[in-house]
Amino acid sequence: MNAEVRQLETRVERLWREFCEARAHALGSNSIDDGVAAGRAWSRFLAEFVGDRETRTAVHGGVPIRK
């Protein structure tokens, strides 16, 4: 029997990894669209630690959110 042990990735670890990958991609491409995607990945990571409204205020400086 060939048993392989795999570590499960937590949600926070996944969000952090996704941000790091998006940031690296944006730095490599110098594309504003890639930078925006990295910023959104950062925002999703932050949202794990504070409430949604608090995150928007902290990240966007109280800029009104379009509905």
Protein backbone atom coordinates (compact mmCIF):
# COMPACT_ATOMS: atom_id res chain seq x y z
CA MET A 1 0.00 0.00 0.00
CA ASN A 2 1.41 3.35 -1.04
CA ALA A 3 0.17 5.89 1.50
CA GLU A 4 0.82 9.54 0.84
CA VAL A 5 0.35 12.08 3.62
CA ARG A 6 -0.80 15.50 2.47
CA GLN A 7 -1.17 18.55 4.63
CA LEU A 8 -4.49 20.31 4.30
CA GLU A 9 -4.29 24.00 3.53
CA THR A 10 -6.33 26.26 5.78
CA ARG A 11 -8.44 29.06 4.34
CA VAL A 12 -6.03 31.70 5.68
CA GLU A 13 -3.06 29.86 4.20
CA ARG A 14 -4.81 29.62 0.83
CA LEU A 15 -5.71 33.31 0.82
CA TRP A 16 -2.14 34.24 1.76
CA ARG A 17 -0.73 32.01 -1.00
CA GLU A 18 -3.13 33.48 -3.55
CA PHE A 19 -2.10 37.02 -2.56
CA CYS A 20 1.60 36.19 -2.76
CA GLU A 21 1.16 34.64 -6.20
CA ALA A 22 -0.93 37.56 -7.46
CA ARG A 23 1.57 40.09 -6.08
CA ALA A 24 4.52 38.32 -7.70
CA HIS A 25 2.65 38.20 -11.00
CA ALA A 26 1.79 41.91 -10.80
CA LEU A 27 5.37 42.88 -9.99
CA GLY A 28 6.60 40.84 -12.93
CA SER A 29 4.10 42.15 -15.44
CA ASN A 30 3.84 45.78 -14.27
CA SER A 31 0.21 45.63 -15.40
CA ILE A 32 -2.29 47.79 -13.55
CA ASP A 33 -4.92 45.07 -14.01
CA ASP A 34 -2.62 42.55 -12.34
CA GLY A 35 -1.98 45.07 -9.56
CA VAL A 36 -5.71 45.48 -9.01
CA ALA A 37 -6.09 41.70 -8.86
CA ALA A 38 -3.31 41.53 -6.26
CA GLY A 39 -5.02 44.28 -4.26
CA ARG A 40 -8.25 42.35 -4.28
CA ALA A 41 -6.43 39.23 -3.14
CA TRP A 42 -4.94 41.28 -0.27
CA SER A 43 -8.40 42.54 0.64
CA ARG A 44 -9.77 38.98 0.75
CA PHE A 45 -6.88 38.00 3.06
CA LEU A 46 -7.57 40.95 5.39
CA ALA A 47 -11.27 40.13 5.47
CA GLU A 48 -10.44 36.96 7.40
CA PHE A 49 -9.38 39.04 10.40
CA VAL A 50 -11.85 41.94 10.54
CA GLY A 51 -15.45 42.50 9.54
CA ASP A 52 -16.30 43.43 5.96
CA ARG A 53 -17.19 47.06 6.69
CA GLU A 54 -14.06 47.49 8.81
CA THR A 55 -11.92 46.02 6.03
CA ARG A 56 -13.29 48.40 3.43
CA THR A 57 -12.71 51.37 5.72
CA ALA A 58 -9.18 50.25 6.57
CA VAL A 59 -8.21 49.36 3.01
CA HIS A 60 -10.05 52.05 1.09
CA GLY A 61 -9.99 54.86 3.64
CA GLY A 62 -13.74 55.19 3.99
CA VAL A 63 -14.38 55.60 0.26
CA PRO A 64 -18.06 54.85 -0.40
CA ILE A 65 -18.69 51.47 -1.94
CA ARG A 66 -20.70 51.43 -5.18
CA LYS A 67 -23.78 49.25 -5.12
